[in-house]
PDB file of N, CA and C in Angstrom:
ATOM      1  N   MET A   1      12.098 -27.794  89.981  1.00  0.00           N
ATOM      2  CA  MET A   1      12.625 -28.358  91.202  1.00  0.00           C
ATOM      3  C   MET A   1      14.147 -28.266  91.146  1.00  0.00           C
ATOM      4  N   GLU A   2      14.749 -27.867  92.261  1.00  0.00           N
ATOM      5  CA  GLU A   2      16.200 -27.792  92.339  1.00  0.00           C
ATOM      6  C   GLU A   2      16.823 -29.173  92.410  1.00  0.00           C
ATOM      7  N   LYS A   3      17.995 -29.319  91.823  1.00  0.00           N
ATOM      8  CA  LYS A   3      18.698 -30.599  91.858  1.00  0.00           C
ATOM      9  C   LYS A   3      19.064 -30.944  93.298  1.00  0.00           C
ATOM     10  N   HIS A   4      18.781 -32.181  93.701  1.00  0.00           N
ATOM     11  CA  HIS A   4      19.033 -32.637  95.066  1.00  0.00           C
ATOM     12  C   HIS A   4      19.190 -34.151  95.073  1.00  0.00           C
ATOM     13  N   ALA A   5      19.546 -34.720  96.212  1.00  0.00           N
ATOM     14  CA  ALA A   5      19.700 -36.170  96.337  1.00  0.00           C
ATOM     15  C   ALA A   5      19.072 -36.636  97.647  1.00  0.00           C
ATOM     16  N   HIS A   6      18.666 -37.897  97.664  1.00  0.00           N
ATOM     17  CA  HIS A   6      18.153 -38.549  98.868  1.00  0.00           C
ATOM     18  C   HIS A   6      19.132 -39.665  99.190  1.00  0.00           C
ATOM     19  N   GLU A   7      19.814 -39.545 100.298  1.00  0.00           N
ATOM     20  CA  GLU A   7      20.916 -40.465 100.605  1.00  0.00           C
ATOM     21  C   GLU A   7      20.465 -41.886 100.938  1.00  0.00           C
ATOM     22  N   VAL A   8      19.242 -42.043 101.447  1.00  0.00           N
ATOM     23  CA  VAL A   8      18.798 -43.357 101.922  1.00  0.00           C
ATOM     24  C   VAL A   8      17.684 -43.941 101.058  1.00  0.00           C
ATOM     25  N   GLN A   9      16.944 -43.103 100.368  1.00  0.00           N
ATOM     26  CA  GLN A   9      15.729 -43.552  99.694  1.00  0.00           C
ATOM     27  C   GLN A   9      15.884 -43.673  98.179  1.00  0.00           C
ATOM     28  N   ASN A  10      15.439 -44.809  97.650  1.00  0.00           N
ATOM     29  CA  ASN A  10      15.256 -44.991  96.211  1.00  0.00           C
ATOM     30  C   ASN A  10      13.924 -44.363  95.839  1.00  0.00           C
ATOM     31  N   ARG A  11      13.817 -43.886  94.609  1.00  0.00           N
ATOM     32  CA  ARG A  11      12.546 -43.308  94.146  1.00  0.00           C
ATOM     33  C   ARG A  11      12.265 -43.764  92.720  1.00  0.00           C
ATOM     34  N   PHE A  12      10.970 -43.918  92.437  1.00  0.00           N
ATOM     35  CA  PHE A  12      10.575 -44.100  91.045  1.00  0.00           C
ATOM     36  C   PHE A  12       9.475 -43.108  90.730  1.00  0.00           C
ATOM     37  N   TYR A  13       9.433 -42.700  89.496  1.00  0.00           N
ATOM     38  CA  TYR A  13       8.432 -41.760  89.008  1.00  0.00           C
ATOM     39  C   TYR A  13       7.766 -42.380  87.792  1.00  0.00           C
ATOM     40  N   VAL A  14       6.442 -42.416  87.771  1.00  0.00           N
ATOM     41  CA  VAL A  14       5.681 -42.851  86.600  1.00  0.00           C
ATOM     42  C   VAL A  14       5.008 -41.612  86.027  1.00  0.00           C
ATOM     43  N   VAL A  15       5.234 -41.332  84.765  1.00  0.00           N
ATOM     44  CA  VAL A  15       4.606 -40.184  84.120  1.00  0.00           C
ATOM     45  C   VAL A  15       3.196 -40.603  83.709  1.00  0.00           C
ATOM     46  N   LEU A  16       2.205 -40.116  84.451  1.00  0.00           N
ATOM     47  CA  LEU A  16       0.810 -40.461  84.176  1.00  0.00           C
ATOM     48  C   LEU A  16       0.215 -39.595  83.072  1.00  0.00           C
ATOM     49  N   GLU A  17       0.633 -38.332  83.008  1.00  0.00           N
ATOM     50  CA  GLU A  17       0.160 -37.406  81.971  1.00  0.00           C
ATOM     51  C   GLU A  17       1.275 -36.433  81.632  1.00  0.00           C
ATOM     52  N   GLY A  18       1.295 -36.000  80.382  1.00  0.00           N
ATOM     53  CA  GLY A  18       2.229 -34.972  79.960  1.00  0.00           C
ATOM     54  C   GLY A  18       3.609 -35.515  79.647  1.00  0.00           C
ATOM     55  N   GLU A  19       4.567 -34.601  79.636  1.00  0.00           N
ATOM     56  CA  GLU A  19       5.958 -34.956  79.374  1.00  0.00           C
ATOM     57  C   GLU A  19       6.855 -33.906  79.991  1.00  0.00           C
ATOM     58  N   GLY A  20       8.122 -34.246  80.129  1.00  0.00           N
ATOM     59  CA  GLY A  20       9.071 -33.321  80.736  1.00  0.00           C
ATOM     60  C   GLY A  20      10.467 -33.900  80.707  1.00  0.00           C
ATOM     61  N   SER A  21      11.325 -33.344  81.542  1.00  0.00           N
ATOM     62  CA  SER A  21      12.725 -33.758  81.578  1.00  0.00           C
ATOM     63  C   SER A  21      13.146 -34.091  82.996  1.00  0.00           C
ATOM     64  N   PHE A  22      13.947 -35.120  83.121  1.00  0.00           N
ATOM     65  CA  PHE A  22      14.590 -35.487  84.379  1.00  0.00           C
ATOM     66  C   PHE A  22      16.084 -35.324  84.172  1.00  0.00           C
ATOM     67  N   ARG A  23      16.763 -34.770  85.150  1.00  0.00           N
ATOM     68  CA  ARG A  23      18.230 -34.738  85.151  1.00  0.00           C
ATOM     69  C   ARG A  23      18.669 -35.604  86.312  1.00  0.00           C
ATOM     70  N   ILE A  24      19.401 -36.670  86.004  1.00  0.00           N
ATOM     71  CA  ILE A  24      19.916 -37.588  87.021  1.00  0.00           C
ATOM     72  C   ILE A  24      21.429 -37.520  86.938  1.00  0.00           C
ATOM     73  N   ASN A  25      22.041 -37.088  88.052  1.00  0.00           N
ATOM     74  CA  ASN A  25      23.462 -36.766  88.078  1.00  0.00           C
ATOM     75  C   ASN A  25      23.719 -35.754  86.974  1.00  0.00           C
ATOM     76  N   ASP A  26      24.474 -36.064  85.957  1.00  0.00           N
ATOM     77  CA  ASP A  26      24.748 -35.097  84.885  1.00  0.00           C
ATOM     78  C   ASP A  26      24.151 -35.525  83.553  1.00  0.00           C
ATOM     79  N   GLU A  27      23.135 -36.389  83.594  1.00  0.00           N
ATOM     80  CA  GLU A  27      22.527 -36.895  82.365  1.00  0.00           C
ATOM     81  C   GLU A  27      21.063 -36.474  82.291  1.00  0.00           C
ATOM     82  N   ASP A  28      20.631 -36.001  81.123  1.00  0.00           N
ATOM     83  CA  ASP A  28      19.253 -35.562  80.909  1.00  0.00           C
ATOM     84  C   ASP A  28      18.447 -36.635  80.196  1.00  0.00           C
ATOM     85  N   PHE A  29      17.188 -36.795  80.621  1.00  0.00           N
ATOM     86  CA  PHE A  29      16.264 -37.766  80.021  1.00  0.00           C
ATOM     87  C   PHE A  29      14.950 -37.066  79.724  1.00  0.00           C
ATOM     88  N   HIS A  30      14.478 -37.173  78.482  1.00  0.00           N
ATOM     89  CA  HIS A  30      13.138 -36.685  78.138  1.00  0.00           C
ATOM     90  C   HIS A  30      12.159 -37.815  78.429  1.00  0.00           C
ATOM     91  N   THR A  31      11.064 -37.500  79.092  1.00  0.00           N
ATOM     92  CA  THR A  31      10.076 -38.527  79.409  1.00  0.00           C
ATOM     93  C   THR A  31       8.697 -38.094  78.938  1.00  0.00           C
ATOM     94  N   LYS A  32       7.857 -39.103  78.728  1.00  0.00           N
ATOM     95  CA  LYS A  32       6.474 -38.832  78.322  1.00  0.00           C
ATOM     96  C   LYS A  32       5.546 -39.832  79.007  1.00  0.00           C
ATOM     97  N   GLN A  33       4.270 -39.648  78.815  1.00  0.00           N
ATOM     98  CA  GLN A  33       3.252 -40.475  79.457  1.00  0.00           C
ATOM     99  C   GLN A  33       3.561 -41.960  79.294  1.00  0.00           C
ATOM    100  N   GLY A  34       3.463 -42.698  80.421  1.00  0.00           N
ATOM    101  CA  GLY A  34       3.648 -44.136  80.407  1.00  0.00           C
ATOM    102  C   GLY A  34       5.063 -44.586  80.742  1.00  0.00           C
ATOM    103  N   GLU A  35       5.997 -43.659  80.812  1.00  0.00           N
ATOM    104  CA  GLU A  35       7.383 -44.041  81.109  1.00  0.00           C
ATOM    105  C   GLU A  35       7.663 -44.001  82.602  1.00  0.00           C
ATOM    106  N   VAL A  36       8.652 -44.799  83.017  1.00  0.00           N
ATOM    107  CA  VAL A  36       9.052 -44.898  84.423  1.00  0.00           C
ATOM    108  C   VAL A  36      10.514 -44.488  84.544  1.00  0.00           C
ATOM    109  N   ILE A  37      10.806 -43.666  85.541  1.00  0.00           N
ATOM    110  CA  ILE A  37      12.176 -43.251  85.837  1.00  0.00           C
ATOM    111  C   ILE A  37      12.544 -43.803  87.205  1.00  0.00           C
ATOM    112  N   TRP A  38      13.690 -44.486  87.305  1.00  0.00           N
ATOM    113  CA  TRP A  38      14.186 -45.065  88.564  1.00  0.00           C
ATOM    114  C   TRP A  38      15.399 -44.248  88.996  1.00  0.00           C
ATOM    115  N   ILE A  39      15.393 -43.792  90.252  1.00  0.00           N
ATOM    116  CA  ILE A  39      16.518 -43.026  90.775  1.00  0.00           C
ATOM    117  C   ILE A  39      16.989 -43.682  92.076  1.00  0.00           C
ATOM    118  N   PRO A  40      18.108 -44.404  92.026  1.00  0.00           N
ATOM    119  CA  PRO A  40      18.631 -45.033  93.235  1.00  0.00           C
ATOM    120  C   PRO A  40      19.081 -43.987  94.257  1.00  0.00           C
ATOM    121  N   ALA A  41      19.051 -44.366  95.521  1.00  0.00           N
ATOM    122  CA  ALA A  41      19.489 -43.486  96.603  1.00  0.00           C
ATOM    123  C   ALA A  41      20.882 -42.933  96.308  1.00  0.00           C
ATOM    124  N   GLY A  42      21.092 -41.662  96.683  1.00  0.00           N
ATOM    125  CA  GLY A  42      22.392 -41.034  96.534  1.00  0.00           C
ATOM    126  C   GLY A  42      22.640 -40.357  95.203  1.00  0.00           C
ATOM    127  N   ASN A  43      21.745 -40.520  94.228  1.00  0.00           N
ATOM    128  CA  ASN A  43      21.896 -39.885  92.920  1.00  0.00           C
ATOM    129  C   ASN A  43      21.178 -38.542  92.906  1.00  0.00           C
ATOM    130  N   SER A  44      21.878 -37.492  92.495  1.00  0.00           N
ATOM    131  CA  SER A  44      21.239 -36.183  92.425  1.00  0.00           C
ATOM    132  C   SER A  44      20.279 -36.149  91.234  1.00  0.00           C
ATOM    133  N   HIS A  45      19.205 -35.387  91.393  1.00  0.00           N
ATOM    134  CA  HIS A  45      18.191 -35.345  90.340  1.00  0.00           C
ATOM    135  C   HIS A  45      17.345 -34.085  90.449  1.00  0.00           C
ATOM    136  N   CYS A  46      16.690 -33.758  89.352  1.00  0.00           N
ATOM    137  CA  CYS A  46      15.669 -32.716  89.335  1.00  0.00           C
ATOM    138  C   CYS A  46      14.695 -33.043  88.211  1.00  0.00           C
ATOM    139  N   ILE A  47      13.513 -32.468  88.317  1.00  0.00           N
ATOM    140  CA  ILE A  47      12.433 -32.705  87.358  1.00  0.00           C
ATOM    141  C   ILE A  47      11.982 -31.357  86.814  1.00  0.00           C
ATOM    142  N   VAL A  48      11.794 -31.287  85.491  1.00  0.00           N
ATOM    143  CA  VAL A  48      11.363 -30.041  84.868  1.00  0.00           C
ATOM    144  C   VAL A  48      10.213 -30.337  83.908  1.00  0.00           C
ATOM    145  N   ASN A  49       9.105 -29.626  84.089  1.00  0.00           N
ATOM    146  CA  ASN A  49       8.029 -29.665  83.101  1.00  0.00           C
ATOM    147  C   ASN A  49       8.331 -28.556  82.110  1.00  0.00           C
ATOM    148  N   ASP A  50       8.934 -28.909  80.987  1.00  0.00           N
ATOM    149  CA  ASP A  50       9.322 -27.910  79.999  1.00  0.00           C
ATOM    150  C   ASP A  50       8.338 -27.834  78.837  1.00  0.00           C
ATOM    151  N   HIS A  51       7.075 -28.180  79.113  1.00  0.00           N
ATOM    152  CA  HIS A  51       6.010 -28.100  78.120  1.00  0.00           C
ATOM    153  C   HIS A  51       4.846 -27.301  78.690  1.00  0.00           C
ATOM    154  N   ASP A  52       3.898 -26.932  77.830  1.00  0.00           N
ATOM    155  CA  ASP A  52       2.762 -26.122  78.260  1.00  0.00           C
ATOM    156  C   ASP A  52       1.746 -26.909  79.077  1.00  0.00           C
ATOM    157  N   ALA A  53       1.579 -28.186  78.780  1.00  0.00           N
ATOM    158  CA  ALA A  53       0.574 -29.008  79.471  1.00  0.00           C
ATOM    159  C   ALA A  53       1.119 -29.475  80.828  1.00  0.00           C
ATOM    160  N   PRO A  54       0.229 -29.706  81.787  1.00  0.00           N
ATOM    161  CA  PRO A  54       0.679 -30.220  83.083  1.00  0.00           C
ATOM    162  C   PRO A  54       1.329 -31.601  82.954  1.00  0.00           C
ATOM    163  N   MET A  55       2.269 -31.885  83.839  1.00  0.00           N
ATOM    164  CA  MET A  55       2.870 -33.212  83.931  1.00  0.00           C
ATOM    165  C   MET A  55       2.434 -33.798  85.270  1.00  0.00           C
ATOM    166  N   VAL A  56       1.798 -34.972  85.222  1.00  0.00           N
ATOM    167  CA  VAL A  56       1.305 -35.633  86.429  1.00  0.00           C
ATOM    168  C   VAL A  56       2.169 -36.862  86.680  1.00  0.00           C
ATOM    169  N   LEU A  57       2.710 -36.967  87.900  1.00  0.00           N
ATOM    170  CA  LEU A  57       3.621 -38.055  88.255  1.00  0.00           C
ATOM    171  C   LEU A  57       3.072 -38.867  89.421  1.00  0.00           C
ATOM    172  N   LEU A  58       3.315 -40.161  89.380  1.00  0.00           N
ATOM    173  CA  LEU A  58       3.126 -41.044  90.530  1.00  0.00           C
ATOM    174  C   LEU A  58       4.519 -41.316  91.060  1.00  0.00           C
ATOM    175  N   VAL A  59       4.738 -41.092  92.366  1.00  0.00           N
ATOM    176  CA  VAL A  59       6.073 -41.229  92.955  1.00  0.00           C
ATOM    177  C   VAL A  59       6.047 -42.334  93.999  1.00  0.00           C
ATOM    178  N   GLY A  60       7.034 -43.227  93.932  1.00  0.00           N
ATOM    179  CA  GLY A  60       7.205 -44.269  94.940  1.00  0.00           C
ATOM    180  C   GLY A  60       8.539 -44.067  95.636  1.00  0.00           C
ATOM    181  N   ILE A  61       8.551 -44.255  96.968  1.00  0.00           N
ATOM    182  CA  ILE A  61       9.749 -44.020  97.774  1.00  0.00           C
ATOM    183  C   ILE A  61       9.981 -45.227  98.669  1.00  0.00           C
ATOM    184  N   ALA A  62      11.231 -45.722  98.702  1.00  0.00           N
ATOM    185  CA  ALA A  62      11.559 -46.848  99.581  1.00  0.00           C
ATOM    186  C   ALA A  62      13.000 -46.708 100.049  1.00  0.00           C
ATOM    187  N   PRO A  63      13.294 -46.917 101.297  1.00  0.00           N
ATOM    188  CA  PRO A  63      12.337 -47.156 102.378  1.00  0.00           C
ATOM    189  C   PRO A  63      11.551 -45.886 102.690  1.00  0.00           C
ATOM    190  N   PRO A  64      10.434 -46.021 103.421  1.00  0.00           N
ATOM    191  CA  PRO A  64       9.605 -44.849 103.726  1.00  0.00           C
ATOM    192  C   PRO A  64      10.375 -43.846 104.587  1.00  0.00           C
ATOM    193  N   HIS A  65       9.877 -42.615 104.604  1.00  0.00           N
ATOM    194  CA  HIS A  65      10.472 -41.570 105.453  1.00  0.00           C
ATOM    195  C   HIS A  65      10.503 -42.039 106.895  1.00  0.00           C
ATOM    196  N   ALA A  66      11.581 -41.744 107.584  1.00  0.00           N
ATOM    197  CA  ALA A  66      11.699 -42.124 108.994  1.00  0.00           C
ATOM    198  C   ALA A  66      12.037 -40.872 109.791  1.00  0.00           C
ATOM    199  N   ASP A  67      11.020 -40.125 110.184  1.00  0.00           N
ATOM    200  CA  ASP A  67      11.233 -38.887 110.956  1.00  0.00           C
ATOM    201  C   ASP A  67      11.279 -39.158 112.437  1.00  0.00           C
TER     202      ASP A  67
END
């Protein structure tokens, strides 16, 4: 996933299976099953599955999309 930001929405990611890397602004975080990543609105981020096994994420977004 390309690095990007959401100006209005906070997001959280729960790693349900596997492991990978999150880049938030200019900082890298290795994550594995059971960990939670919080990304406040306006922070650039990207997610990389840098392992052979699939990485399964649960994503929460607030406030909801307003199209």
